[in-house]
Amino acid sequence: QKTMNVDTTGVVAVAFANTKQRFFIPSNENFICGMKFGRMMLDSGAGDILAYLNDSEIPLLFQNFPAPEYVWSLRESKGVGSKNVGLMIRKADQTKMKMTLHRELFNSEFEIDYIRF
């Protein structure tokens, strides 16, 4: 097994672009407000973080982002293609949410306004 020493100073995430210019983050170690998310995408067109859950993980949202501390809302997509409805979760007091991507590679934490599913 060969190891490399790579300077990752300033790197927040490593991602692969798809045909819609959304960037898939190949990591199972992504966290928002302490909740682990195995699949995440960065949407360059909207500047959003897209989180994906399995059906079995949906109850965890209620535990990790409970009302009244968090506000849940639905939003219609603004793209030119087919219309989609997304779930957005943000803090009720409008403060930022802590997020870590690629915890296994980088130890950088940053803040976001909301999560979009």
PDB file of N, CA and C in Angstrom:
ATOM      1  N   GLN A   1       0.844  -1.174   0.000  1.00  0.00           N
ATOM      2  CA  GLN A   1       0.000   0.000   0.000  1.00  0.00           C
ATOM      3  C   GLN A   1       0.888   1.235   0.000  1.00  0.00           C
ATOM      4  N   LYS A   2       0.647   2.132  -0.932  1.00  0.00           N
ATOM      5  CA  LYS A   2       1.444   3.336  -1.080  1.00  0.00           C
ATOM      6  C   LYS A   2       0.675   4.531  -0.542  1.00  0.00           C
ATOM      7  N   THR A   3       1.328   5.373   0.232  1.00  0.00           N
ATOM      8  CA  THR A   3       0.693   6.573   0.756  1.00  0.00           C
ATOM      9  C   THR A   3       1.386   7.801   0.184  1.00  0.00           C
ATOM     10  N   MET A   4       0.626   8.900   0.115  1.00  0.00           N
ATOM     11  CA  MET A   4       1.171  10.155  -0.391  1.00  0.00           C
ATOM     12  C   MET A   4       0.922  11.243   0.636  1.00  0.00           C
ATOM     13  N   ASN A   5       1.854  12.141   0.771  1.00  0.00           N
ATOM     14  CA  ASN A   5       1.661  13.321   1.601  1.00  0.00           C
ATOM     15  C   ASN A   5       1.241  14.459   0.677  1.00  0.00           C
ATOM     16  N   VAL A   6       0.021  14.923   0.836  1.00  0.00           N
ATOM     17  CA  VAL A   6      -0.512  15.985  -0.008  1.00  0.00           C
ATOM     18  C   VAL A   6      -0.952  17.134   0.880  1.00  0.00           C
ATOM     19  N   ASP A   7      -0.546  18.338   0.520  1.00  0.00           N
ATOM     20  CA  ASP A   7      -0.964  19.521   1.266  1.00  0.00           C
ATOM     21  C   ASP A   7      -2.397  19.866   0.866  1.00  0.00           C
ATOM     22  N   THR A   8      -3.342  19.736   1.799  1.00  0.00           N
ATOM     23  CA  THR A   8      -4.751  20.019   1.518  1.00  0.00           C
ATOM     24  C   THR A   8      -5.194  21.356   2.111  1.00  0.00           C
ATOM     25  N   THR A   9      -4.252  22.214   2.454  1.00  0.00           N
ATOM     26  CA  THR A   9      -4.586  23.516   3.019  1.00  0.00           C
ATOM     27  C   THR A   9      -5.496  24.281   2.059  1.00  0.00           C
ATOM     28  N   GLY A  10      -6.632  24.735   2.560  1.00  0.00           N
ATOM     29  CA  GLY A  10      -7.574  25.500   1.742  1.00  0.00           C
ATOM     30  C   GLY A  10      -8.558  24.660   0.949  1.00  0.00           C
ATOM     31  N   VAL A  11      -8.380  23.337   0.911  1.00  0.00           N
ATOM     32  CA  VAL A  11      -9.303  22.467   0.178  1.00  0.00           C
ATOM     33  C   VAL A  11     -10.485  22.150   1.083  1.00  0.00           C
ATOM     34  N   VAL A  12     -11.699  22.357   0.573  1.00  0.00           N
ATOM     35  CA  VAL A  12     -12.908  22.092   1.347  1.00  0.00           C
ATOM     36  C   VAL A  12     -13.503  20.750   0.985  1.00  0.00           C
ATOM     37  N   ALA A  13     -13.459  20.384  -0.300  1.00  0.00           N
ATOM     38  CA  ALA A  13     -14.054  19.129  -0.751  1.00  0.00           C
ATOM     39  C   ALA A  13     -13.449  18.716  -2.085  1.00  0.00           C
ATOM     40  N   VAL A  14     -13.614  17.451  -2.392  1.00  0.00           N
ATOM     41  CA  VAL A  14     -13.263  16.907  -3.695  1.00  0.00           C
ATOM     42  C   VAL A  14     -14.568  16.414  -4.291  1.00  0.00           C
ATOM     43  N   ALA A  15     -14.833  16.756  -5.562  1.00  0.00           N
ATOM     44  CA  ALA A  15     -16.111  16.396  -6.161  1.00  0.00           C
ATOM     45  C   ALA A  15     -15.923  16.052  -7.640  1.00  0.00           C
ATOM     46  N   PHE A  16     -16.916  15.326  -8.181  1.00  0.00           N
ATOM     47  CA  PHE A  16     -16.945  14.977  -9.591  1.00  0.00           C
ATOM     48  C   PHE A  16     -18.146  15.644 -10.236  1.00  0.00           C
ATOM     49  N   ALA A  17     -17.948  16.334 -11.347  1.00  0.00           N
ATOM     50  CA  ALA A  17     -19.043  17.025 -12.039  1.00  0.00           C
ATOM     51  C   ALA A  17     -19.852  16.044 -12.865  1.00  0.00           C
ATOM     52  N   ASN A  18     -21.203  16.230 -12.862  1.00  0.00           N
ATOM     53  CA  ASN A  18     -22.057  15.463 -13.764  1.00  0.00           C
ATOM     54  C   ASN A  18     -22.435  16.353 -14.952  1.00  0.00           C
ATOM     55  N   THR A  19     -23.302  15.869 -15.820  1.00  0.00           N
ATOM     56  CA  THR A  19     -23.655  16.622 -17.032  1.00  0.00           C
ATOM     57  C   THR A  19     -24.446  17.889 -16.744  1.00  0.00           C
ATOM     58  N   LYS A  20     -25.066  18.003 -15.590  1.00  0.00           N
ATOM     59  CA  LYS A  20     -25.828  19.203 -15.224  1.00  0.00           C
ATOM     60  C   LYS A  20     -24.989  20.178 -14.396  1.00  0.00           C
ATOM     61  N   GLN A  21     -23.679  19.939 -14.331  1.00  0.00           N
ATOM     62  CA  GLN A  21     -22.760  20.764 -13.538  1.00  0.00           C
ATOM     63  C   GLN A  21     -23.116  20.786 -12.052  1.00  0.00           C
ATOM     64  N   ARG A  22     -23.605  19.657 -11.588  1.00  0.00           N
ATOM     65  CA  ARG A  22     -23.743  19.435 -10.156  1.00  0.00           C
ATOM     66  C   ARG A  22     -22.564  18.557  -9.776  1.00  0.00           C
ATOM     67  N   PHE A  23     -22.036  18.794  -8.596  1.00  0.00           N
ATOM     68  CA  PHE A  23     -20.801  18.147  -8.202  1.00  0.00           C
ATOM     69  C   PHE A  23     -21.055  17.141  -7.087  1.00  0.00           C
ATOM     70  N   PHE A  24     -20.894  15.856  -7.418  1.00  0.00           N
ATOM     71  CA  PHE A  24     -21.082  14.755  -6.480  1.00  0.00           C
ATOM     72  C   PHE A  24     -19.858  14.657  -5.575  1.00  0.00           C
ATOM     73  N   ILE A  25     -20.085  14.602  -4.273  1.00  0.00           N
ATOM     74  CA  ILE A  25     -19.005  14.490  -3.297  1.00  0.00           C
ATOM     75  C   ILE A  25     -18.861  13.014  -2.920  1.00  0.00           C
ATOM     76  N   PRO A  26     -17.775  12.381  -3.334  1.00  0.00           N
ATOM     77  CA  PRO A  26     -17.599  10.942  -3.092  1.00  0.00           C
ATOM     78  C   PRO A  26     -17.111  10.650  -1.677  1.00  0.00           C
ATOM     79  N   SER A  27     -17.984  10.868  -0.707  1.00  0.00           N
ATOM     80  CA  SER A  27     -17.625  10.648   0.688  1.00  0.00           C
ATOM     81  C   SER A  27     -18.858  10.238   1.470  1.00  0.00           C
ATOM     82  N   ASN A  28     -18.663   9.386   2.445  1.00  0.00           N
ATOM     83  CA  ASN A  28     -19.732   9.027   3.381  1.00  0.00           C
ATOM     84  C   ASN A  28     -19.559   9.745   4.704  1.00  0.00           C
ATOM     85  N   GLU A  29     -18.630  10.689   4.770  1.00  0.00           N
ATOM     86  CA  GLU A  29     -18.310  11.387   6.007  1.00  0.00           C
ATOM     87  C   GLU A  29     -18.618  12.880   5.883  1.00  0.00           C
ATOM     88  N   ASN A  30     -19.881  13.205   5.584  1.00  0.00           N
ATOM     89  CA  ASN A  30     -20.357  14.579   5.480  1.00  0.00           C
ATOM     90  C   ASN A  30     -21.336  14.809   6.624  1.00  0.00           C
ATOM     91  N   PHE A  31     -21.204  15.936   7.315  1.00  0.00           N
ATOM     92  CA  PHE A  31     -22.036  16.203   8.485  1.00  0.00           C
ATOM     93  C   PHE A  31     -22.605  17.614   8.431  1.00  0.00           C
ATOM     94  N   ILE A  32     -23.891  17.726   8.770  1.00  0.00           N
ATOM     95  CA  ILE A  32     -24.541  19.026   8.933  1.00  0.00           C
ATOM     96  C   ILE A  32     -25.200  19.013  10.298  1.00  0.00           C
ATOM     97  N   CYS A  33     -24.810  19.970  11.138  1.00  0.00           N
ATOM     98  CA  CYS A  33     -25.321  20.059  12.517  1.00  0.00           C
ATOM     99  C   CYS A  33     -25.228  18.721  13.236  1.00  0.00           C
ATOM    100  N   GLY A  34     -24.162  17.982  12.980  1.00  0.00           N
ATOM    101  CA  GLY A  34     -23.927  16.712  13.650  1.00  0.00           C
ATOM    102  C   GLY A  34     -24.561  15.504  12.991  1.00  0.00           C
ATOM    103  N   MET A  35     -25.483  15.673  12.036  1.00  0.00           N
ATOM    104  CA  MET A  35     -26.113  14.544  11.354  1.00  0.00           C
ATOM    105  C   MET A  35     -25.263  14.137  10.152  1.00  0.00           C
ATOM    106  N   LYS A  36     -25.029  12.835  10.028  1.00  0.00           N
ATOM    107  CA  LYS A  36     -24.205  12.298   8.952  1.00  0.00           C
ATOM    108  C   LYS A  36     -25.025  12.138   7.675  1.00  0.00           C
ATOM    109  N   PHE A  37     -24.450  12.586   6.570  1.00  0.00           N
ATOM    110  CA  PHE A  37     -25.074  12.430   5.253  1.00  0.00           C
ATOM    111  C   PHE A  37     -24.083  11.712   4.347  1.00  0.00           C
ATOM    112  N   GLY A  38     -24.511  10.596   3.799  1.00  0.00           N
ATOM    113  CA  GLY A  38     -23.634   9.801   2.954  1.00  0.00           C
ATOM    114  C   GLY A  38     -23.545  10.269   1.523  1.00  0.00           C
ATOM    115  N   ARG A  39     -24.563  10.968   1.052  1.00  0.00           N
ATOM    116  CA  ARG A  39     -24.542  11.423  -0.341  1.00  0.00           C
ATOM    117  C   ARG A  39     -24.872  12.914  -0.382  1.00  0.00           C
ATOM    118  N   MET A  40     -23.971  13.680  -0.988  1.00  0.00           N
ATOM    119  CA  MET A  40     -24.158  15.125  -1.080  1.00  0.00           C
ATOM    120  C   MET A  40     -23.756  15.587  -2.475  1.00  0.00           C
ATOM    121  N   MET A  41     -24.384  16.667  -2.909  1.00  0.00           N
ATOM    122  CA  MET A  41     -24.000  17.308  -4.170  1.00  0.00           C
ATOM    123  C   MET A  41     -23.951  18.808  -3.958  1.00  0.00           C
ATOM    124  N   LEU A  42     -23.094  19.473  -4.713  1.00  0.00           N
ATOM    125  CA  LEU A  42     -23.035  20.917  -4.753  1.00  0.00           C
ATOM    126  C   LEU A  42     -23.667  21.338  -6.076  1.00  0.00           C
ATOM    127  N   ASP A  43     -24.677  22.170  -6.038  1.00  0.00           N
ATOM    128  CA  ASP A  43     -25.369  22.639  -7.237  1.00  0.00           C
ATOM    129  C   ASP A  43     -24.784  23.987  -7.624  1.00  0.00           C
ATOM    130  N   SER A  44     -23.949  23.997  -8.655  1.00  0.00           N
ATOM    131  CA  SER A  44     -23.270  25.229  -9.042  1.00  0.00           C
ATOM    132  C   SER A  44     -24.230  26.278  -9.585  1.00  0.00           C
ATOM    133  N   GLY A  45     -25.327  25.860 -10.191  1.00  0.00           N
ATOM    134  CA  GLY A  45     -26.290  26.806 -10.746  1.00  0.00           C
ATOM    135  C   GLY A  45     -27.052  27.570  -9.684  1.00  0.00           C
ATOM    136  N   ALA A  46     -27.347  26.913  -8.574  1.00  0.00           N
ATOM    137  CA  ALA A  46     -28.131  27.545  -7.517  1.00  0.00           C
ATOM    138  C   ALA A  46     -27.287  27.895  -6.293  1.00  0.00           C
ATOM    139  N   GLY A  47     -26.070  27.410  -6.240  1.00  0.00           N
ATOM    140  CA  GLY A  47     -25.231  27.651  -5.080  1.00  0.00           C
ATOM    141  C   GLY A  47     -25.697  26.907  -3.847  1.00  0.00           C
ATOM    142  N   ASP A  48     -26.387  25.803  -4.046  1.00  0.00           N
ATOM    143  CA  ASP A  48     -26.964  25.027  -2.943  1.00  0.00           C
ATOM    144  C   ASP A  48     -26.142  23.790  -2.632  1.00  0.00           C
ATOM    145  N   ILE A  49     -26.317  23.320  -1.403  1.00  0.00           N
ATOM    146  CA  ILE A  49     -25.848  22.007  -0.987  1.00  0.00           C
ATOM    147  C   ILE A  49     -27.061  21.089  -1.074  1.00  0.00           C
ATOM    148  N   LEU A  50     -26.975  20.028  -1.856  1.00  0.00           N
ATOM    149  CA  LEU A  50     -28.070  19.069  -1.990  1.00  0.00           C
ATOM    150  C   LEU A  50     -27.733  17.823  -1.185  1.00  0.00           C
ATOM    151  N   ALA A  51     -28.589  17.472  -0.250  1.00  0.00           N
ATOM    152  CA  ALA A  51     -28.388  16.279   0.575  1.00  0.00           C
ATOM    153  C   ALA A  51     -29.400  15.218   0.158  1.00  0.00           C
ATOM    154  N   TYR A  52     -28.997  13.972   0.178  1.00  0.00           N
ATOM    155  CA  TYR A  52     -29.862  12.864  -0.189  1.00  0.00           C
ATOM    156  C   TYR A  52     -29.968  11.892   0.972  1.00  0.00           C
ATOM    157  N   LEU A  53     -31.170  11.355   1.148  1.00  0.00           N
ATOM    158  CA  LEU A  53     -31.420  10.392   2.213  1.00  0.00           C
ATOM    159  C   LEU A  53     -32.097   9.160   1.649  1.00  0.00           C
ATOM    160  N   ASN A  54     -31.828   8.028   2.276  1.00  0.00           N
ATOM    161  CA  ASN A  54     -32.616   6.826   2.013  1.00  0.00           C
ATOM    162  C   ASN A  54     -33.921   6.950   2.793  1.00  0.00           C
ATOM    163  N   ASP A  55     -34.947   6.216   2.386  1.00  0.00           N
ATOM    164  CA  ASP A  55     -36.227   6.254   3.095  1.00  0.00           C
ATOM    165  C   ASP A  55     -36.054   5.960   4.583  1.00  0.00           C
ATOM    166  N   SER A  56     -35.155   5.046   4.910  1.00  0.00           N
ATOM    167  CA  SER A  56     -34.962   4.672   6.311  1.00  0.00           C
ATOM    168  C   SER A  56     -34.313   5.797   7.130  1.00  0.00           C
ATOM    169  N   GLU A  57     -33.696   6.776   6.468  1.00  0.00           N
ATOM    170  CA  GLU A  57     -33.022   7.871   7.173  1.00  0.00           C
ATOM    171  C   GLU A  57     -33.945   9.067   7.437  1.00  0.00           C
ATOM    172  N   ILE A  58     -35.109   9.100   6.818  1.00  0.00           N
ATOM    173  CA  ILE A  58     -36.010  10.242   6.974  1.00  0.00           C
ATOM    174  C   ILE A  58     -36.391  10.496   8.429  1.00  0.00           C
ATOM    175  N   PRO A  59     -36.692   9.462   9.240  1.00  0.00           N
ATOM    176  CA  PRO A  59     -36.989   9.740  10.657  1.00  0.00           C
ATOM    177  C   PRO A  59     -35.860  10.458  11.391  1.00  0.00           C
ATOM    178  N   LEU A  60     -34.626  10.293  10.946  1.00  0.00           N
ATOM    179  CA  LEU A  60     -33.497  10.987  11.577  1.00  0.00           C
ATOM    180  C   LEU A  60     -33.591  12.498  11.408  1.00  0.00           C
ATOM    181  N   LEU A  61     -34.231  12.947  10.332  1.00  0.00           N
ATOM    182  CA  LEU A  61     -34.417  14.392  10.141  1.00  0.00           C
ATOM    183  C   LEU A  61     -35.243  14.986  11.272  1.00  0.00           C
ATOM    184  N   PHE A  62     -36.309  14.284  11.652  1.00  0.00           N
ATOM    185  CA  PHE A  62     -37.174  14.774  12.727  1.00  0.00           C
ATOM    186  C   PHE A  62     -36.425  14.833  14.059  1.00  0.00           C
ATOM    187  N   GLN A  63     -35.507  13.893  14.271  1.00  0.00           N
ATOM    188  CA  GLN A  63     -34.727  13.871  15.509  1.00  0.00           C
ATOM    189  C   GLN A  63     -33.645  14.954  15.522  1.00  0.00           C
ATOM    190  N   ASN A  64     -32.975  15.154  14.372  1.00  0.00           N
ATOM    191  CA  ASN A  64     -31.836  16.065  14.310  1.00  0.00           C
ATOM    192  C   ASN A  64     -32.196  17.516  13.987  1.00  0.00           C
ATOM    193  N   PHE A  65     -33.376  17.729  13.389  1.00  0.00           N
ATOM    194  CA  PHE A  65     -33.797  19.075  13.008  1.00  0.00           C
ATOM    195  C   PHE A  65     -35.241  19.320  13.460  1.00  0.00           C
ATOM    196  N   PRO A  66     -35.485  19.293  14.787  1.00  0.00           N
ATOM    197  CA  PRO A  66     -36.864  19.387  15.297  1.00  0.00           C
ATOM    198  C   PRO A  66     -37.397  20.827  15.291  1.00  0.00           C
ATOM    199  N   ALA A  67     -38.708  20.933  15.150  1.00  0.00           N
ATOM    200  CA  ALA A  67     -39.381  22.222  15.352  1.00  0.00           C
ATOM    201  C   ALA A  67     -39.467  22.432  16.856  1.00  0.00           C
ATOM    202  N   PRO A  68     -39.463  23.618  17.357  1.00  0.00           N
ATOM    203  CA  PRO A  68     -39.445  24.905  16.653  1.00  0.00           C
ATOM    204  C   PRO A  68     -38.047  25.448  16.381  1.00  0.00           C
ATOM    205  N   GLU A  69     -36.983  24.689  16.740  1.00  0.00           N
ATOM    206  CA  GLU A  69     -35.615  25.164  16.523  1.00  0.00           C
ATOM    207  C   GLU A  69     -35.281  25.297  15.035  1.00  0.00           C
ATOM    208  N   TYR A  70     -35.890  24.421  14.217  1.00  0.00           N
ATOM    209  CA  TYR A  70     -35.664  24.433  12.773  1.00  0.00           C
ATOM    210  C   TYR A  70     -36.976  24.655  12.045  1.00  0.00           C
ATOM    211  N   VAL A  71     -36.898  25.320  10.896  1.00  0.00           N
ATOM    212  CA  VAL A  71     -38.065  25.582  10.056  1.00  0.00           C
ATOM    213  C   VAL A  71     -37.925  24.748   8.789  1.00  0.00           C
ATOM    214  N   TRP A  72     -38.973  24.034   8.461  1.00  0.00           N
ATOM    215  CA  TRP A  72     -39.018  23.212   7.262  1.00  0.00           C
ATOM    216  C   TRP A  72     -39.927  23.892   6.253  1.00  0.00           C
ATOM    217  N   SER A  73     -39.525  23.918   4.992  1.00  0.00           N
ATOM    218  CA  SER A  73     -40.375  24.514   3.959  1.00  0.00           C
ATOM    219  C   SER A  73     -40.147  23.786   2.634  1.00  0.00           C
ATOM    220  N   LEU A  74     -41.125  23.914   1.745  1.00  0.00           N
ATOM    221  CA  LEU A  74     -41.022  23.342   0.408  1.00  0.00           C
ATOM    222  C   LEU A  74     -40.759  24.467  -0.582  1.00  0.00           C
ATOM    223  N   ARG A  75     -39.931  24.178  -1.586  1.00  0.00           N
ATOM    224  CA  ARG A  75     -39.604  25.179  -2.590  1.00  0.00           C
ATOM    225  C   ARG A  75     -39.617  24.530  -3.961  1.00  0.00           C
ATOM    226  N   GLU A  76     -40.223  25.203  -4.913  1.00  0.00           N
ATOM    227  CA  GLU A  76     -40.230  24.718  -6.288  1.00  0.00           C
ATOM    228  C   GLU A  76     -38.913  25.091  -6.948  1.00  0.00           C
ATOM    229  N   SER A  77     -38.420  24.194  -7.795  1.00  0.00           N
ATOM    230  CA  SER A  77     -37.160  24.473  -8.478  1.00  0.00           C
ATOM    231  C   SER A  77     -37.328  25.669  -9.405  1.00  0.00           C
ATOM    232  N   LYS A  78     -36.216  26.335  -9.665  1.00  0.00           N
ATOM    233  CA  LYS A  78     -36.247  27.507 -10.532  1.00  0.00           C
ATOM    234  C   LYS A  78     -35.571  27.236 -11.863  1.00  0.00           C
ATOM    235  N   GLY A  79     -35.292  25.978 -12.160  1.00  0.00           N
ATOM    236  CA  GLY A  79     -34.598  25.620 -13.393  1.00  0.00           C
ATOM    237  C   GLY A  79     -35.494  25.711 -14.610  1.00  0.00           C
ATOM    238  N   VAL A  80     -34.873  25.592 -15.780  1.00  0.00           N
ATOM    239  CA  VAL A  80     -35.632  25.672 -17.025  1.00  0.00           C
ATOM    240  C   VAL A  80     -36.195  24.319 -17.442  1.00  0.00           C
ATOM    241  N   GLY A  81     -35.743  23.266 -16.819  1.00  0.00           N
ATOM    242  CA  GLY A  81     -36.218  21.928 -17.152  1.00  0.00           C
ATOM    243  C   GLY A  81     -37.509  21.603 -16.431  1.00  0.00           C
ATOM    244  N   SER A  82     -37.665  20.328 -16.092  1.00  0.00           N
ATOM    245  CA  SER A  82     -38.864  19.899 -15.384  1.00  0.00           C
ATOM    246  C   SER A  82     -38.912  20.534 -14.002  1.00  0.00           C
ATOM    247  N   LYS A  83     -40.125  20.742 -13.510  1.00  0.00           N
ATOM    248  CA  LYS A  83     -40.303  21.356 -12.190  1.00  0.00           C
ATOM    249  C   LYS A  83     -40.194  20.288 -11.107  1.00  0.00           C
ATOM    250  N   ASN A  84     -39.471  20.612 -10.062  1.00  0.00           N
ATOM    251  CA  ASN A  84     -39.303  19.726  -8.920  1.00  0.00           C
ATOM    252  C   ASN A  84     -39.603  20.500  -7.645  1.00  0.00           C
ATOM    253  N   VAL A  85     -39.979  19.774  -6.615  1.00  0.00           N
ATOM    254  CA  VAL A  85     -40.197  20.384  -5.309  1.00  0.00           C
ATOM    255  C   VAL A  85     -39.118  19.861  -4.374  1.00  0.00           C
ATOM    256  N   GLY A  86     -38.501  20.770  -3.662  1.00  0.00           N
ATOM    257  CA  GLY A  86     -37.452  20.387  -2.732  1.00  0.00           C
ATOM    258  C   GLY A  86     -37.792  20.799  -1.313  1.00  0.00           C
ATOM    259  N   LEU A  87     -37.273  20.063  -0.369  1.00  0.00           N
ATOM    260  CA  LEU A  87     -37.430  20.380   1.046  1.00  0.00           C
ATOM    261  C   LEU A  87     -36.223  21.201   1.477  1.00  0.00           C
ATOM    262  N   MET A  88     -36.480  22.280   2.204  1.00  0.00           N
ATOM    263  CA  MET A  88     -35.412  23.097   2.763  1.00  0.00           C
ATOM    264  C   MET A  88     -35.573  23.130   4.277  1.00  0.00           C
ATOM    265  N   ILE A  89     -34.458  22.996   4.977  1.00  0.00           N
ATOM    266  CA  ILE A  89     -34.455  23.092   6.440  1.00  0.00           C
ATOM    267  C   ILE A  89     -33.445  24.169   6.817  1.00  0.00           C
ATOM    268  N   ARG A  90     -33.873  25.113   7.665  1.00  0.00           N
ATOM    269  CA  ARG A  90     -32.992  26.166   8.157  1.00  0.00           C
ATOM    270  C   ARG A  90     -33.259  26.389   9.630  1.00  0.00           C
ATOM    271  N   LYS A  91     -32.347  27.058  10.306  1.00  0.00           N
ATOM    272  CA  LYS A  91     -32.547  27.370  11.721  1.00  0.00           C
ATOM    273  C   LYS A  91     -33.593  28.472  11.849  1.00  0.00           C
ATOM    274  N   ALA A  92     -34.468  28.340  12.813  1.00  0.00           N
ATOM    275  CA  ALA A  92     -35.538  29.315  13.020  1.00  0.00           C
ATOM    276  C   ALA A  92     -34.987  30.690  13.385  1.00  0.00           C
ATOM    277  N   ASP A  93     -33.870  30.730  14.088  1.00  0.00           N
ATOM    278  CA  ASP A  93     -33.305  32.023  14.483  1.00  0.00           C
ATOM    279  C   ASP A  93     -32.407  32.643  13.408  1.00  0.00           C
ATOM    280  N   GLN A  94     -32.393  32.029  12.216  1.00  0.00           N
ATOM    281  CA  GLN A  94     -31.648  32.508  11.047  1.00  0.00           C
ATOM    282  C   GLN A  94     -30.127  32.457  11.210  1.00  0.00           C
ATOM    283  N   THR A  95     -29.615  31.766  12.238  1.00  0.00           N
ATOM    284  CA  THR A  95     -28.171  31.604  12.354  1.00  0.00           C
ATOM    285  C   THR A  95     -27.718  30.514  11.391  1.00  0.00           C
ATOM    286  N   LYS A  96     -26.438  30.459  11.149  1.00  0.00           N
ATOM    287  CA  LYS A  96     -25.868  29.503  10.196  1.00  0.00           C
ATOM    288  C   LYS A  96     -25.800  28.101  10.786  1.00  0.00           C
ATOM    289  N   MET A  97     -25.776  27.127   9.887  1.00  0.00           N
ATOM    290  CA  MET A  97     -25.665  25.718  10.257  1.00  0.00           C
ATOM    291  C   MET A  97     -24.227  25.262   9.985  1.00  0.00           C
ATOM    292  N   LYS A  98     -23.646  24.512  10.909  1.00  0.00           N
ATOM    293  CA  LYS A  98     -22.276  24.019  10.763  1.00  0.00           C
ATOM    294  C   LYS A  98     -22.251  22.798   9.852  1.00  0.00           C
ATOM    295  N   MET A  99     -21.263  22.765   8.950  1.00  0.00           N
ATOM    296  CA  MET A  99     -21.155  21.674   7.987  1.00  0.00           C
ATOM    297  C   MET A  99     -19.704  21.268   7.810  1.00  0.00           C
ATOM    298  N   THR A 100     -19.488  19.957   7.680  1.00  0.00           N
ATOM    299  CA  THR A 100     -18.173  19.402   7.363  1.00  0.00           C
ATOM    300  C   THR A 100     -18.343  18.436   6.205  1.00  0.00           C
ATOM    301  N   LEU A 101     -17.538  18.588   5.171  1.00  0.00           N
ATOM    302  CA  LEU A 101     -17.511  17.658   4.042  1.00  0.00           C
ATOM    303  C   LEU A 101     -16.223  16.853   4.108  1.00  0.00           C
ATOM    304  N   HIS A 102     -16.286  15.599   3.674  1.00  0.00           N
ATOM    305  CA  HIS A 102     -15.084  14.760   3.615  1.00  0.00           C
ATOM    306  C   HIS A 102     -14.343  14.721   4.942  1.00  0.00           C
ATOM    307  N   ARG A 103     -15.037  14.448   6.025  1.00  0.00           N
ATOM    308  CA  ARG A 103     -14.360  14.453   7.326  1.00  0.00           C
ATOM    309  C   ARG A 103     -13.160  13.510   7.342  1.00  0.00           C
ATOM    310  N   GLU A 104     -13.205  12.445   6.534  1.00  0.00           N
ATOM    311  CA  GLU A 104     -12.092  11.495   6.522  1.00  0.00           C
ATOM    312  C   GLU A 104     -10.848  12.078   5.852  1.00  0.00           C
ATOM    313  N   LEU A 105     -10.990  13.137   5.055  1.00  0.00           N
ATOM    314  CA  LEU A 105      -9.848  13.745   4.378  1.00  0.00           C
ATOM    315  C   LEU A 105      -9.480  15.121   4.917  1.00  0.00           C
ATOM    316  N   PHE A 106     -10.507  15.924   5.209  1.00  0.00           N
ATOM    317  CA  PHE A 106     -10.280  17.314   5.607  1.00  0.00           C
ATOM    318  C   PHE A 106     -10.967  17.562   6.940  1.00  0.00           C
ATOM    319  N   ASN A 107     -10.406  18.410   7.721  1.00  0.00           N
ATOM    320  CA  ASN A 107     -11.008  18.731   9.006  1.00  0.00           C
ATOM    321  C   ASN A 107     -11.462  20.191   9.006  1.00  0.00           C
ATOM    322  N   SER A 108     -12.110  20.610   7.919  1.00  0.00           N
ATOM    323  CA  SER A 108     -12.546  21.996   7.840  1.00  0.00           C
ATOM    324  C   SER A 108     -14.061  22.067   7.999  1.00  0.00           C
ATOM    325  N   GLU A 109     -14.477  22.997   8.832  1.00  0.00           N
ATOM    326  CA  GLU A 109     -15.898  23.198   9.085  1.00  0.00           C
ATOM    327  C   GLU A 109     -16.271  24.569   8.519  1.00  0.00           C
ATOM    328  N   PHE A 110     -17.434  24.652   7.890  1.00  0.00           N
ATOM    329  CA  PHE A 110     -17.913  25.931   7.414  1.00  0.00           C
ATOM    330  C   PHE A 110     -19.398  26.039   7.692  1.00  0.00           C
ATOM    331  N   GLU A 111     -20.001  27.163   7.336  1.00  0.00           N
ATOM    332  CA  GLU A 111     -21.383  27.432   7.701  1.00  0.00           C
ATOM    333  C   GLU A 111     -22.242  27.616   6.448  1.00  0.00           C
ATOM    334  N   ILE A 112     -23.482  27.118   6.538  1.00  0.00           N
ATOM    335  CA  ILE A 112     -24.448  27.278   5.446  1.00  0.00           C
ATOM    336  C   ILE A 112     -25.744  27.825   6.009  1.00  0.00           C
ATOM    337  N   ASP A 113     -26.560  28.412   5.135  1.00  0.00           N
ATOM    338  CA  ASP A 113     -27.839  28.981   5.558  1.00  0.00           C
ATOM    339  C   ASP A 113     -28.925  27.932   5.727  1.00  0.00           C
ATOM    340  N   TYR A 114     -28.906  26.886   4.879  1.00  0.00           N
ATOM    341  CA  TYR A 114     -29.949  25.863   4.902  1.00  0.00           C
ATOM    342  C   TYR A 114     -29.470  24.596   4.208  1.00  0.00           C
ATOM    343  N   ILE A 115     -30.212  23.523   4.398  1.00  0.00           N
ATOM    344  CA  ILE A 115     -30.005  22.259   3.696  1.00  0.00           C
ATOM    345  C   ILE A 115     -31.148  22.126   2.696  1.00  0.00           C
ATOM    346  N   ARG A 116     -30.849  21.609   1.532  1.00  0.00           N
ATOM    347  CA  ARG A 116     -31.877  21.354   0.532  1.00  0.00           C
ATOM    348  C   ARG A 116     -31.870  19.873   0.166  1.00  0.00           C
ATOM    349  N   PHE A 117     -33.065  19.288   0.098  1.00  0.00           N
ATOM    350  CA  PHE A 117     -33.204  17.872  -0.288  1.00  0.00           C
ATOM    351  C   PHE A 117     -33.991  17.789  -1.587  1.00  0.00           C
TER     352      PHE A 117
END
